[in-house]
Full PDB file with SEQRES, HELIX, SHEET, SSBOND, CRYST1, ORIGX, SCALE, CONECT and MASTER records, all heavy atoms in Angstrom:
SEQRES   1 A   39  ILE ASN SER ASP LEU GLY GLU GLY TYR GLY ASN ASP ALA          
SEQRES   2 A   39  ASP ILE MET PRO PHE ILE SER SER CYS ASN ILE ALA CYS          
SEQRES   3 A   39  GLY GLY HIS PHE GLY THR ARG GLN THR ILE LYS GLU THR          
HELIX    1 AA1 ASP A   12  ILE A   15  1                                   4    
HELIX    2 AA2 MET A   16  PHE A   18  5                                   3    
HELIX    3 AA3 ARG A   33  GLU A   38  1                                   6    
SHEET    1 AA1 2 ASN A   2  LEU A   5  0                                        
SHEET    2 AA1 2 SER A  21  ILE A  24  1                                        
CRYST1    1.000    1.000    1.000  90.00  90.00  90.00 P 1           1          
ORIGX1      1.000000  0.000000  0.000000        0.00000                         
ORIGX2      0.000000  1.000000  0.000000        0.00000                         
ORIGX3      0.000000  0.000000  1.000000        0.00000                         
SCALE1      1.000000  0.000000  0.000000        0.00000                         
SCALE2      0.000000  1.000000  0.000000        0.00000                         
SCALE3      0.000000  0.000000  1.000000        0.00000                         
ATOM      1  N   ILE A   1      83.567 203.083  67.833  1.00  0.00           N  
ATOM      2  CA  ILE A   1      82.231 202.775  67.127  1.00  0.00           C  
ATOM      3  C   ILE A   1      81.569 201.675  67.942  1.00  0.00           C  
ATOM      4  O   ILE A   1      82.191 200.514  68.061  1.00  0.00           O  
ATOM      5  CB  ILE A   1      82.371 202.445  65.659  1.00  0.00           C  
ATOM      6  CG1 ILE A   1      83.147 203.546  64.958  1.00  0.00           C  
ATOM      7  CG2 ILE A   1      81.010 202.240  65.090  1.00  0.00           C  
ATOM      8  CD1 ILE A   1      83.308 203.244  63.487  1.00  0.00           C  
ATOM      9  N   ASN A   2      80.327 201.963  68.475  1.00  0.00           N  
ATOM     10  CA  ASN A   2      79.699 200.873  69.188  1.00  0.00           C  
ATOM     11  C   ASN A   2      78.365 200.557  68.561  1.00  0.00           C  
ATOM     12  O   ASN A   2      77.852 201.367  67.759  1.00  0.00           O  
ATOM     13  CB  ASN A   2      79.476 201.234  70.651  1.00  0.00           C  
ATOM     14  CG  ASN A   2      78.381 202.290  70.898  1.00  0.00           C  
ATOM     15  OD1 ASN A   2      77.180 201.888  70.910  1.00  0.00           O  
ATOM     16  ND2 ASN A   2      78.733 203.536  71.188  1.00  0.00           N  
ATOM     17  N   SER A   3      77.796 199.417  68.939  1.00  0.00           N  
ATOM     18  CA  SER A   3      76.526 198.948  68.413  1.00  0.00           C  
ATOM     19  C   SER A   3      75.868 198.106  69.479  1.00  0.00           C  
ATOM     20  O   SER A   3      76.484 197.350  70.187  1.00  0.00           O  
ATOM     21  CB  SER A   3      76.718 198.177  67.159  1.00  0.00           C  
ATOM     22  OG  SER A   3      75.395 197.957  66.523  1.00  0.00           O  
ATOM     23  N   ASP A   4      74.561 198.222  69.561  1.00  0.00           N  
ATOM     24  CA  ASP A   4      73.673 197.428  70.460  1.00  0.00           C  
ATOM     25  C   ASP A   4      73.372 196.168  69.777  1.00  0.00           C  
ATOM     26  O   ASP A   4      72.629 196.054  68.760  1.00  0.00           O  
ATOM     27  CB  ASP A   4      72.357 198.215  70.765  1.00  0.00           C  
ATOM     28  CG  ASP A   4      72.584 199.572  71.275  1.00  0.00           C  
ATOM     29  OD1 ASP A   4      73.679 199.860  71.832  1.00  0.00           O  
ATOM     30  OD2 ASP A   4      71.643 200.389  71.072  1.00  0.00           O  
ATOM     31  N   LEU A   5      73.986 195.042  70.246  1.00  0.00           N  
ATOM     32  CA  LEU A   5      73.830 193.765  69.612  1.00  0.00           C  
ATOM     33  C   LEU A   5      73.331 192.708  70.618  1.00  0.00           C  
ATOM     34  O   LEU A   5      72.946 192.966  71.769  1.00  0.00           O  
ATOM     35  CB  LEU A   5      75.189 193.359  69.020  1.00  0.00           C  
ATOM     36  CG  LEU A   5      75.889 194.323  68.056  1.00  0.00           C  
ATOM     37  CD1 LEU A   5      77.200 193.826  67.551  1.00  0.00           C  
ATOM     38  CD2 LEU A   5      74.908 194.437  66.868  1.00  0.00           C  
ATOM     39  N   GLY A   6      73.109 191.485  70.060  1.00  0.00           N  
ATOM     40  CA  GLY A   6      72.512 190.435  70.813  1.00  0.00           C  
ATOM     41  C   GLY A   6      71.068 190.625  70.995  1.00  0.00           C  
ATOM     42  O   GLY A   6      70.495 190.193  72.085  1.00  0.00           O  
ATOM     43  N   GLU A   7      70.433 191.310  70.121  1.00  0.00           N  
ATOM     44  CA  GLU A   7      69.044 191.738  70.287  1.00  0.00           C  
ATOM     45  C   GLU A   7      68.093 191.004  69.263  1.00  0.00           C  
ATOM     46  O   GLU A   7      66.927 191.381  69.135  1.00  0.00           O  
ATOM     47  CB  GLU A   7      68.865 193.242  70.131  1.00  0.00           C  
ATOM     48  CG  GLU A   7      69.509 194.056  71.209  1.00  0.00           C  
ATOM     49  CD  GLU A   7      69.287 195.583  71.106  1.00  0.00           C  
ATOM     50  OE1 GLU A   7      69.249 196.092  69.981  1.00  0.00           O  
ATOM     51  OE2 GLU A   7      69.227 196.204  72.156  1.00  0.00           O  
ATOM     52  N   GLY A   8      68.612 189.957  68.653  1.00  0.00           N  
ATOM     53  CA  GLY A   8      67.786 189.065  67.823  1.00  0.00           C  
ATOM     54  C   GLY A   8      67.570 189.540  66.459  1.00  0.00           C  
ATOM     55  O   GLY A   8      66.723 188.997  65.754  1.00  0.00           O  
ATOM     56  N   TYR A   9      68.337 190.436  65.905  1.00  0.00           N  
ATOM     57  CA  TYR A   9      68.122 190.976  64.533  1.00  0.00           C  
ATOM     58  C   TYR A   9      68.902 190.192  63.514  1.00  0.00           C  
ATOM     59  O   TYR A   9      68.619 190.395  62.297  1.00  0.00           O  
ATOM     60  CB  TYR A   9      68.456 192.404  64.429  1.00  0.00           C  
ATOM     61  CG  TYR A   9      67.399 193.295  65.288  1.00  0.00           C  
ATOM     62  CD1 TYR A   9      67.823 193.861  66.481  1.00  0.00           C  
ATOM     63  CD2 TYR A   9      66.208 193.578  64.796  1.00  0.00           C  
ATOM     64  CE1 TYR A   9      66.964 194.662  67.220  1.00  0.00           C  
ATOM     65  CE2 TYR A   9      65.289 194.278  65.542  1.00  0.00           C  
ATOM     66  CZ  TYR A   9      65.691 194.868  66.711  1.00  0.00           C  
ATOM     67  OH  TYR A   9      64.728 195.606  67.484  1.00  0.00           O  
ATOM     68  N   GLY A  10      69.799 189.353  63.907  1.00  0.00           N  
ATOM     69  CA  GLY A  10      70.411 188.444  62.979  1.00  0.00           C  
ATOM     70  C   GLY A  10      71.525 189.058  62.165  1.00  0.00           C  
ATOM     71  O   GLY A  10      72.027 188.396  61.195  1.00  0.00           O  
ATOM     72  N   ASN A  11      71.940 190.286  62.519  1.00  0.00           N  
ATOM     73  CA  ASN A  11      72.969 190.938  61.678  1.00  0.00           C  
ATOM     74  C   ASN A  11      74.339 191.191  62.431  1.00  0.00           C  
ATOM     75  O   ASN A  11      75.184 191.847  62.094  1.00  0.00           O  
ATOM     76  CB  ASN A  11      72.418 192.208  61.157  1.00  0.00           C  
ATOM     77  CG  ASN A  11      71.956 193.147  62.296  1.00  0.00           C  
ATOM     78  OD1 ASN A  11      72.077 192.911  63.468  1.00  0.00           O  
ATOM     79  ND2 ASN A  11      71.336 194.283  61.853  1.00  0.00           N  
ATOM     80  N   ASP A  12      74.420 190.547  63.697  1.00  0.00           N  
ATOM     81  CA  ASP A  12      75.556 190.834  64.477  1.00  0.00           C  
ATOM     82  C   ASP A  12      76.907 190.500  63.828  1.00  0.00           C  
ATOM     83  O   ASP A  12      77.884 191.255  63.914  1.00  0.00           O  
ATOM     84  CB  ASP A  12      75.489 190.052  65.761  1.00  0.00           C  
ATOM     85  CG  ASP A  12      74.265 190.500  66.754  1.00  0.00           C  
ATOM     86  OD1 ASP A  12      73.527 191.378  66.273  1.00  0.00           O  
ATOM     87  OD2 ASP A  12      74.224 190.088  67.877  1.00  0.00           O  
ATOM     88  N   ALA A  13      76.949 189.339  63.200  1.00  0.00           N  
ATOM     89  CA  ALA A  13      78.171 188.924  62.563  1.00  0.00           C  
ATOM     90  C   ALA A  13      78.562 189.861  61.416  1.00  0.00           C  
ATOM     91  O   ALA A  13      79.843 189.949  61.165  1.00  0.00           O  
ATOM     92  CB  ALA A  13      78.004 187.477  62.039  1.00  0.00           C  
ATOM     93  N   ASP A  14      77.643 190.481  60.764  1.00  0.00           N  
ATOM     94  CA  ASP A  14      77.957 191.363  59.666  1.00  0.00           C  
ATOM     95  C   ASP A  14      78.393 192.804  60.162  1.00  0.00           C  
ATOM     96  O   ASP A  14      79.114 193.510  59.484  1.00  0.00           O  
ATOM     97  CB  ASP A  14      76.697 191.536  58.748  1.00  0.00           C  
ATOM     98  CG  ASP A  14      76.416 190.282  58.030  1.00  0.00           C  
ATOM     99  OD1 ASP A  14      77.350 189.647  57.485  1.00  0.00           O  
ATOM    100  OD2 ASP A  14      75.264 189.855  58.067  1.00  0.00           O  
ATOM    101  N   ILE A  15      77.872 193.096  61.377  1.00  0.00           N  
ATOM    102  CA  ILE A  15      78.236 194.471  61.958  1.00  0.00           C  
ATOM    103  C   ILE A  15      79.555 194.425  62.590  1.00  0.00           C  
ATOM    104  O   ILE A  15      80.432 195.410  62.560  1.00  0.00           O  
ATOM    105  CB  ILE A  15      77.117 194.942  62.824  1.00  0.00           C  
ATOM    106  CG1 ILE A  15      75.916 195.214  62.031  1.00  0.00           C  
ATOM    107  CG2 ILE A  15      77.586 196.178  63.609  1.00  0.00           C  
ATOM    108  CD1 ILE A  15      74.641 195.559  62.933  1.00  0.00           C  
ATOM    109  N   MET A  16      79.878 193.373  63.309  1.00  0.00           N  
ATOM    110  CA  MET A  16      81.053 193.265  64.216  1.00  0.00           C  
ATOM    111  C   MET A  16      82.372 193.652  63.584  1.00  0.00           C  
ATOM    112  O   MET A  16      83.212 194.378  64.300  1.00  0.00           O  
ATOM    113  CB  MET A  16      81.203 191.766  64.767  1.00  0.00           C  
ATOM    114  CG  MET A  16      80.339 191.461  65.972  1.00  0.00           C  
ATOM    115  SD  MET A  16      80.886 192.136  67.478  1.00  0.00           S  
ATOM    116  CE  MET A  16      79.783 191.258  68.611  1.00  0.00           C  
ATOM    117  N   PRO A  17      82.643 193.347  62.294  1.00  0.00           N  
ATOM    118  CA  PRO A  17      83.987 193.691  61.745  1.00  0.00           C  
ATOM    119  C   PRO A  17      84.159 195.178  61.676  1.00  0.00           C  
ATOM    120  O   PRO A  17      85.302 195.665  61.393  1.00  0.00           O  
ATOM    121  CB  PRO A  17      83.962 193.083  60.353  1.00  0.00           C  
ATOM    122  CG  PRO A  17      82.971 191.920  60.540  1.00  0.00           C  
ATOM    123  CD  PRO A  17      81.902 192.475  61.366  1.00  0.00           C  
ATOM    124  N   PHE A  18      83.151 195.972  61.789  1.00  0.00           N  
ATOM    125  CA  PHE A  18      83.168 197.379  61.498  1.00  0.00           C  
ATOM    126  C   PHE A  18      82.953 198.306  62.726  1.00  0.00           C  
ATOM    127  O   PHE A  18      82.753 199.469  62.660  1.00  0.00           O  
ATOM    128  CB  PHE A  18      82.154 197.817  60.393  1.00  0.00           C  
ATOM    129  CG  PHE A  18      82.328 197.024  59.142  1.00  0.00           C  
ATOM    130  CD1 PHE A  18      81.493 195.939  58.916  1.00  0.00           C  
ATOM    131  CD2 PHE A  18      83.372 197.232  58.288  1.00  0.00           C  
ATOM    132  CE1 PHE A  18      81.685 195.184  57.743  1.00  0.00           C  
ATOM    133  CE2 PHE A  18      83.591 196.479  57.195  1.00  0.00           C  
ATOM    134  CZ  PHE A  18      82.699 195.504  56.910  1.00  0.00           C  
ATOM    135  N   ILE A  19      83.016 197.629  63.975  1.00  0.00           N  
ATOM    136  CA  ILE A  19      82.862 198.413  65.220  1.00  0.00           C  
ATOM    137  C   ILE A  19      84.015 198.068  66.148  1.00  0.00           C  
ATOM    138  O   ILE A  19      84.783 197.112  65.845  1.00  0.00           O  
ATOM    139  CB  ILE A  19      81.524 198.014  65.878  1.00  0.00           C  
ATOM    140  CG1 ILE A  19      81.403 196.551  66.310  1.00  0.00           C  
ATOM    141  CG2 ILE A  19      80.326 198.506  65.043  1.00  0.00           C  
ATOM    142  CD1 ILE A  19      80.235 196.177  67.089  1.00  0.00           C  
ATOM    143  N   SER A  20      84.164 198.848  67.181  1.00  0.00           N  
ATOM    144  CA  SER A  20      85.241 198.484  68.136  1.00  0.00           C  
ATOM    145  C   SER A  20      84.684 198.189  69.541  1.00  0.00           C  
ATOM    146  O   SER A  20      85.480 197.789  70.420  1.00  0.00           O  
ATOM    147  CB  SER A  20      86.177 199.764  68.266  1.00  0.00           C  
ATOM    148  OG  SER A  20      85.450 200.961  68.323  1.00  0.00           O  
ATOM    149  N   SER A  21      83.401 198.367  69.779  1.00  0.00           N  
ATOM    150  CA  SER A  21      82.820 197.945  71.032  1.00  0.00           C  
ATOM    151  C   SER A  21      81.326 197.509  70.821  1.00  0.00           C  
ATOM    152  O   SER A  21      80.656 198.139  69.979  1.00  0.00           O  
ATOM    153  CB  SER A  21      82.992 198.956  72.160  1.00  0.00           C  
ATOM    154  OG  SER A  21      82.171 200.127  71.859  1.00  0.00           O  
ATOM    155  N   CYS A  22      80.861 196.551  71.584  1.00  0.00           N  
ATOM    156  CA  CYS A  22      79.469 196.161  71.445  1.00  0.00           C  
ATOM    157  C   CYS A  22      78.743 196.138  72.797  1.00  0.00           C  
ATOM    158  O   CYS A  22      79.426 195.949  73.805  1.00  0.00           O  
ATOM    159  CB  CYS A  22      79.353 194.733  70.869  1.00  0.00           C  
ATOM    160  SG  CYS A  22      80.033 193.434  71.869  1.00  0.00           S  
ATOM    161  N   ASN A  23      77.505 196.493  72.733  1.00  0.00           N  
ATOM    162  CA  ASN A  23      76.632 196.606  73.927  1.00  0.00           C  
ATOM    163  C   ASN A  23      75.646 195.390  73.893  1.00  0.00           C  
ATOM    164  O   ASN A  23      74.827 195.348  73.012  1.00  0.00           O  
ATOM    165  CB  ASN A  23      75.855 197.903  73.967  1.00  0.00           C  
ATOM    166  CG  ASN A  23      76.684 199.046  73.448  1.00  0.00           C  
ATOM    167  OD1 ASN A  23      77.788 199.261  73.936  1.00  0.00           O  
ATOM    168  ND2 ASN A  23      76.226 199.727  72.418  1.00  0.00           N  
ATOM    169  N   ILE A  24      75.815 194.484  74.803  1.00  0.00           N  
ATOM    170  CA  ILE A  24      75.160 193.150  74.658  1.00  0.00           C  
ATOM    171  C   ILE A  24      73.883 193.194  75.521  1.00  0.00           C  
ATOM    172  O   ILE A  24      73.922 193.374  76.717  1.00  0.00           O  
ATOM    173  CB  ILE A  24      76.064 192.010  75.106  1.00  0.00           C  
ATOM    174  CG1 ILE A  24      77.303 192.004  74.195  1.00  0.00           C  
ATOM    175  CG2 ILE A  24      75.342 190.670  75.001  1.00  0.00           C  
ATOM    176  CD1 ILE A  24      78.356 190.986  74.540  1.00  0.00           C  
ATOM    177  N   ALA A  25      72.685 192.920  74.890  1.00  0.00           N  
ATOM    178  CA  ALA A  25      71.421 192.813  75.591  1.00  0.00           C  
ATOM    179  C   ALA A  25      71.604 191.602  76.640  1.00  0.00           C  
ATOM    180  O   ALA A  25      71.963 190.561  76.313  1.00  0.00           O  
ATOM    181  CB  ALA A  25      70.306 192.501  74.646  1.00  0.00           C  
ATOM    182  N   CYS A  26      71.267 191.989  77.921  1.00  0.00           N  
ATOM    183  CA  CYS A  26      71.565 191.057  78.953  1.00  0.00           C  
ATOM    184  C   CYS A  26      70.360 190.530  79.745  1.00  0.00           C  
ATOM    185  O   CYS A  26      70.367 190.260  80.945  1.00  0.00           O  
ATOM    186  CB  CYS A  26      72.593 191.599  79.906  1.00  0.00           C  
ATOM    187  SG  CYS A  26      72.547 193.349  80.159  1.00  0.00           S  
ATOM    188  N   GLY A  27      69.206 190.365  79.019  1.00  0.00           N  
ATOM    189  CA  GLY A  27      68.109 189.772  79.587  1.00  0.00           C  
ATOM    190  C   GLY A  27      67.009 190.689  80.090  1.00  0.00           C  
ATOM    191  O   GLY A  27      65.813 190.240  80.306  1.00  0.00           O  
ATOM    192  N   GLY A  28      67.266 191.980  80.091  1.00  0.00           N  
ATOM    193  CA  GLY A  28      66.157 192.920  80.497  1.00  0.00           C  
ATOM    194  C   GLY A  28      65.134 193.177  79.502  1.00  0.00           C  
ATOM    195  O   GLY A  28      63.972 192.928  79.676  1.00  0.00           O  
ATOM    196  N   HIS A  29      65.619 193.651  78.256  1.00  0.00           N  
ATOM    197  CA  HIS A  29      64.685 193.907  77.196  1.00  0.00           C  
ATOM    198  C   HIS A  29      64.749 192.784  76.250  1.00  0.00           C  
ATOM    199  O   HIS A  29      63.878 192.586  75.381  1.00  0.00           O  
ATOM    200  CB  HIS A  29      65.001 195.226  76.540  1.00  0.00           C  
ATOM    201  CG  HIS A  29      66.390 195.330  75.876  1.00  0.00           C  
ATOM    202  ND1 HIS A  29      67.548 195.338  76.549  1.00  0.00           N  
ATOM    203  CD2 HIS A  29      66.718 195.352  74.567  1.00  0.00           C  
ATOM    204  CE1 HIS A  29      68.533 195.436  75.776  1.00  0.00           C  
ATOM    205  NE2 HIS A  29      68.078 195.360  74.480  1.00  0.00           N  
ATOM    206  N   PHE A  30      65.882 192.031  76.199  1.00  0.00           N  
ATOM    207  CA  PHE A  30      66.046 190.869  75.290  1.00  0.00           C  
ATOM    208  C   PHE A  30      67.281 190.122  75.752  1.00  0.00           C  
ATOM    209  O   PHE A  30      68.150 190.675  76.437  1.00  0.00           O  
ATOM    210  CB  PHE A  30      66.315 191.392  73.855  1.00  0.00           C  
ATOM    211  CG  PHE A  30      66.270 190.303  72.818  1.00  0.00           C  
ATOM    212  CD1 PHE A  30      64.997 190.021  72.180  1.00  0.00           C  
ATOM    213  CD2 PHE A  30      67.366 189.570  72.411  1.00  0.00           C  
ATOM    214  CE1 PHE A  30      64.957 188.981  71.253  1.00  0.00           C  
ATOM    215  CE2 PHE A  30      67.301 188.549  71.497  1.00  0.00           C  
ATOM    216  CZ  PHE A  30      66.027 188.243  70.933  1.00  0.00           C  
ATOM    217  N   GLY A  31      67.367 188.873  75.384  1.00  0.00           N  
ATOM    218  CA  GLY A  31      68.549 188.135  75.654  1.00  0.00           C  
ATOM    219  C   GLY A  31      68.399 186.916  76.545  1.00  0.00           C  
ATOM    220  O   GLY A  31      67.638 187.025  77.536  1.00  0.00           O  
ATOM    221  N   THR A  32      69.134 185.917  76.236  1.00  0.00           N  
ATOM    222  CA  THR A  32      69.296 184.725  77.070  1.00  0.00           C  
ATOM    223  C   THR A  32      70.771 184.417  77.249  1.00  0.00           C  
ATOM    224  O   THR A  32      71.605 185.029  76.594  1.00  0.00           O  
ATOM    225  CB  THR A  32      68.591 183.441  76.389  1.00  0.00           C  
ATOM    226  OG1 THR A  32      69.332 183.192  75.120  1.00  0.00           O  
ATOM    227  CG2 THR A  32      67.067 183.798  76.069  1.00  0.00           C  
ATOM    228  N   ARG A  33      71.112 183.489  78.031  1.00  0.00           N  
ATOM    229  CA  ARG A  33      72.469 183.104  78.314  1.00  0.00           C  
ATOM    230  C   ARG A  33      73.099 182.649  76.930  1.00  0.00           C  
ATOM    231  O   ARG A  33      74.264 182.847  76.629  1.00  0.00           O  
ATOM    232  CB  ARG A  33      72.603 182.047  79.302  1.00  0.00           C  
ATOM    233  CG  ARG A  33      72.209 182.475  80.648  1.00  0.00           C  
ATOM    234  CD  ARG A  33      72.558 181.397  81.767  1.00  0.00           C  
ATOM    235  NE  ARG A  33      73.993 181.321  82.002  1.00  0.00           N  
ATOM    236  CZ  ARG A  33      74.671 182.125  82.819  1.00  0.00           C  
ATOM    237  NH1 ARG A  33      74.034 183.043  83.590  1.00  0.00           N  
ATOM    238  NH2 ARG A  33      76.012 181.966  82.930  1.00  0.00           N  
ATOM    239  N   GLN A  34      72.279 182.008  76.087  1.00  0.00           N  
ATOM    240  CA  GLN A  34      72.770 181.521  74.797  1.00  0.00           C  
ATOM    241  C   GLN A  34      73.103 182.770  73.894  1.00  0.00           C  
ATOM    242  O   GLN A  34      74.102 182.692  73.202  1.00  0.00           O  
ATOM    243  CB  GLN A  34      71.746 180.649  74.112  1.00  0.00           C  
ATOM    244  CG  GLN A  34      72.186 180.041  72.829  1.00  0.00           C  
ATOM    245  CD  GLN A  34      73.465 179.170  72.830  1.00  0.00           C  
ATOM    246  OE1 GLN A  34      73.715 178.589  73.933  1.00  0.00           O  
ATOM    247  NE2 GLN A  34      74.276 179.181  71.836  1.00  0.00           N  
ATOM    248  N   THR A  35      72.164 183.717  73.755  1.00  0.00           N  
ATOM    249  CA  THR A  35      72.432 184.849  72.911  1.00  0.00           C  
ATOM    250  C   THR A  35      73.619 185.667  73.419  1.00  0.00           C  
ATOM    251  O   THR A  35      74.382 186.211  72.601  1.00  0.00           O  
ATOM    252  CB  THR A  35      71.241 185.799  72.763  1.00  0.00           C  
ATOM    253  OG1 THR A  35      70.742 186.300  73.961  1.00  0.00           O  
ATOM    254  CG2 THR A  35      69.989 184.946  72.125  1.00  0.00           C  
ATOM    255  N   ILE A  36      73.729 185.805  74.715  1.00  0.00           N  
ATOM    256  CA  ILE A  36      74.912 186.516  75.297  1.00  0.00           C  
ATOM    257  C   ILE A  36      76.148 185.802  74.962  1.00  0.00           C  
ATOM    258  O   ILE A  36      77.177 186.454  74.537  1.00  0.00           O  
ATOM    259  CB  ILE A  36      74.682 186.689  76.832  1.00  0.00           C  
ATOM    260  CG1 ILE A  36      73.489 187.558  77.120  1.00  0.00           C  
ATOM    261  CG2 ILE A  36      75.933 187.211  77.454  1.00  0.00           C  
ATOM    262  CD1 ILE A  36      73.024 187.566  78.571  1.00  0.00           C  
ATOM    263  N   LYS A  37      76.182 184.458  75.114  1.00  0.00           N  
ATOM    264  CA  LYS A  37      77.364 183.686  74.776  1.00  0.00           C  
ATOM    265  C   LYS A  37      77.719 183.882  73.291  1.00  0.00           C  
ATOM    266  O   LYS A  37      78.931 184.113  72.990  1.00  0.00           O  
ATOM    267  CB  LYS A  37      77.131 182.219  75.070  1.00  0.00           C  
ATOM    268  CG  LYS A  37      78.317 181.301  74.699  1.00  0.00           C  
ATOM    269  CD  LYS A  37      78.001 179.847  74.839  1.00  0.00           C  
ATOM    270  CE  LYS A  37      79.169 178.982  74.376  1.00  0.00           C  
ATOM    271  NZ  LYS A  37      79.454 179.183  72.974  1.00  0.00           N  
ATOM    272  N   GLU A  38      76.842 183.780  72.398  1.00  0.00           N  
ATOM    273  CA  GLU A  38      77.000 183.875  70.990  1.00  0.00           C  
ATOM    274  C   GLU A  38      77.643 185.295  70.669  1.00  0.00           C  
ATOM    275  O   GLU A  38      78.563 185.371  69.815  1.00  0.00           O  
ATOM    276  CB  GLU A  38      75.765 183.694  70.209  1.00  0.00           C  
ATOM    277  CG  GLU A  38      75.342 182.214  70.234  1.00  0.00           C  
ATOM    278  CD  GLU A  38      73.907 182.023  69.665  1.00  0.00           C  
ATOM    279  OE1 GLU A  38      73.216 183.065  69.271  1.00  0.00           O  
ATOM    280  OE2 GLU A  38      73.431 180.886  69.643  1.00  0.00           O  
ATOM    281  N   THR A  39      77.028 186.326  71.317  1.00  0.00           N  
ATOM    282  CA  THR A  39      77.505 187.654  71.047  1.00  0.00           C  
ATOM    283  C   THR A  39      78.964 187.828  71.506  1.00  0.00           C  
ATOM    284  O   THR A  39      79.799 188.560  70.887  1.00  0.00           O  
ATOM    285  CB  THR A  39      76.573 188.704  71.565  1.00  0.00           C  
ATOM    286  OG1 THR A  39      75.238 188.332  71.250  1.00  0.00           O  
ATOM    287  CG2 THR A  39      76.885 190.154  71.051  1.00  0.00           C  
TER     288      THR A  39                                                      
MASTER        0    0    0    3    2    0    0    6  287    1    0    3          
END                                                                             
């Protein structure tokens, strides 16, 4: 189960326990080094 995260919606911490892989926004459409680190 994957989810597109690090996109600024504020729900990453609530979704993470229920997935097995995450797709981290890496600056193209959204994201900074800080949001990437947090994710």
